[in-house]
Amino acid sequence: MNVYAAENLRSEIAYIAYHFHWSHTELLDLDHLQRRAYIRQITQINQRLDDGL
């Protein structure tokens, strides 16, 4: 079993919470793959906005 570093988890939760304003409980209910998928999507959206698209 892999243990995901607490600092990584906090960072992911903060990133998603900042953009989506979801509660701490909602974010902790996401599994690792779901969190990573949301992070990828948020990152892509931000990159498109930064590029002016």
C-alpha atoms as a PDB file:
ATOM      1  CA  MET A   1       0.000   0.000   0.000  1.00  0.00           C
ATOM      2  CA  ASN A   2       1.325   3.432  -0.954  1.00  0.00           C
ATOM      3  CA  VAL A   3       0.969   6.302   1.466  1.00  0.00           C
ATOM      4  CA  TYR A   4       0.394   9.619  -0.241  1.00  0.00           C
ATOM      5  CA  ALA A   5       2.424  12.378   1.361  1.00  0.00           C
ATOM      6  CA  ALA A   6       0.328  14.666   3.541  1.00  0.00           C
ATOM      7  CA  GLU A   7       1.914  17.769   1.996  1.00  0.00           C
ATOM      8  CA  ASN A   8       0.933  16.608  -1.507  1.00  0.00           C
ATOM      9  CA  LEU A   9      -2.619  15.962  -0.364  1.00  0.00           C
ATOM     10  CA  ARG A  10      -2.871  19.411   1.259  1.00  0.00           C
ATOM     11  CA  SER A  11      -1.503  21.037  -1.880  1.00  0.00           C
ATOM     12  CA  GLU A  12      -3.977  19.245  -4.146  1.00  0.00           C
ATOM     13  CA  ILE A  13      -6.909  20.057  -1.874  1.00  0.00           C
ATOM     14  CA  ALA A  14      -5.914  23.717  -1.625  1.00  0.00           C
ATOM     15  CA  TYR A  15      -5.587  23.994  -5.401  1.00  0.00           C
ATOM     16  CA  ILE A  16      -9.022  22.514  -6.081  1.00  0.00           C
ATOM     17  CA  ALA A  17     -10.668  24.387  -3.200  1.00  0.00           C
ATOM     18  CA  TYR A  18      -9.263  27.684  -4.468  1.00  0.00           C
ATOM     19  CA  HIS A  19     -10.853  27.184  -7.875  1.00  0.00           C
ATOM     20  CA  PHE A  20     -14.067  25.326  -7.031  1.00  0.00           C
ATOM     21  CA  HIS A  21     -14.771  26.489  -3.453  1.00  0.00           C
ATOM     22  CA  TRP A  22     -15.715  22.959  -2.412  1.00  0.00           C
ATOM     23  CA  SER A  23     -15.764  22.011   1.249  1.00  0.00           C
ATOM     24  CA  HIS A  24     -12.911  20.183   2.924  1.00  0.00           C
ATOM     25  CA  THR A  25     -15.151  17.126   3.351  1.00  0.00           C
ATOM     26  CA  GLU A  26     -16.108  17.060  -0.338  1.00  0.00           C
ATOM     27  CA  LEU A  27     -12.460  17.244  -1.343  1.00  0.00           C
ATOM     28  CA  LEU A  28     -11.372  14.519   1.049  1.00  0.00           C
ATOM     29  CA  ASP A  29     -14.113  12.273  -0.364  1.00  0.00           C
ATOM     30  CA  LEU A  30     -12.381  12.347  -3.765  1.00  0.00           C
ATOM     31  CA  ASP A  31      -9.978   9.519  -4.418  1.00  0.00           C
ATOM     32  CA  HIS A  32      -6.486  10.211  -5.687  1.00  0.00           C
ATOM     33  CA  LEU A  33      -7.324   9.682  -9.361  1.00  0.00           C
ATOM     34  CA  GLN A  34     -10.329  12.001  -9.161  1.00  0.00           C
ATOM     35  CA  ARG A  35      -8.276  14.746  -7.507  1.00  0.00           C
ATOM     36  CA  ARG A  36      -5.533  14.432 -10.116  1.00  0.00           C
ATOM     37  CA  ALA A  37      -8.119  14.587 -12.932  1.00  0.00           C
ATOM     38  CA  TYR A  38      -9.614  17.802 -11.538  1.00  0.00           C
ATOM     39  CA  ILE A  39      -6.141  19.295 -11.123  1.00  0.00           C
ATOM     40  CA  ARG A  40      -5.294  18.499 -14.750  1.00  0.00           C
ATOM     41  CA  GLN A  41      -8.527  20.090 -15.933  1.00  0.00           C
ATOM     42  CA  ILE A  42      -8.060  23.223 -13.821  1.00  0.00           C
ATOM     43  CA  THR A  43      -4.481  23.534 -15.058  1.00  0.00           C
ATOM     44  CA  GLN A  44      -5.595  23.239 -18.683  1.00  0.00           C
ATOM     45  CA  ILE A  45      -8.286  25.876 -18.192  1.00  0.00           C
ATOM     46  CA  ASN A  46      -5.807  28.244 -16.552  1.00  0.00           C
ATOM     47  CA  GLN A  47      -3.277  27.715 -19.344  1.00  0.00           C
ATOM     48  CA  ARG A  48      -5.891  28.493 -22.000  1.00  0.00           C
ATOM     49  CA  LEU A  49      -6.925  31.638 -20.133  1.00  0.00           C
ATOM     50  CA  ASP A  50      -3.292  32.710 -19.779  1.00  0.00           C
ATOM     51  CA  ASP A  51      -2.764  32.146 -23.506  1.00  0.00           C
ATOM     52  CA  GLY A  52      -5.825  34.277 -24.274  1.00  0.00           C
ATOM     53  CA  LEU A  53      -7.777  31.472 -25.924  1.00  0.00           C
END
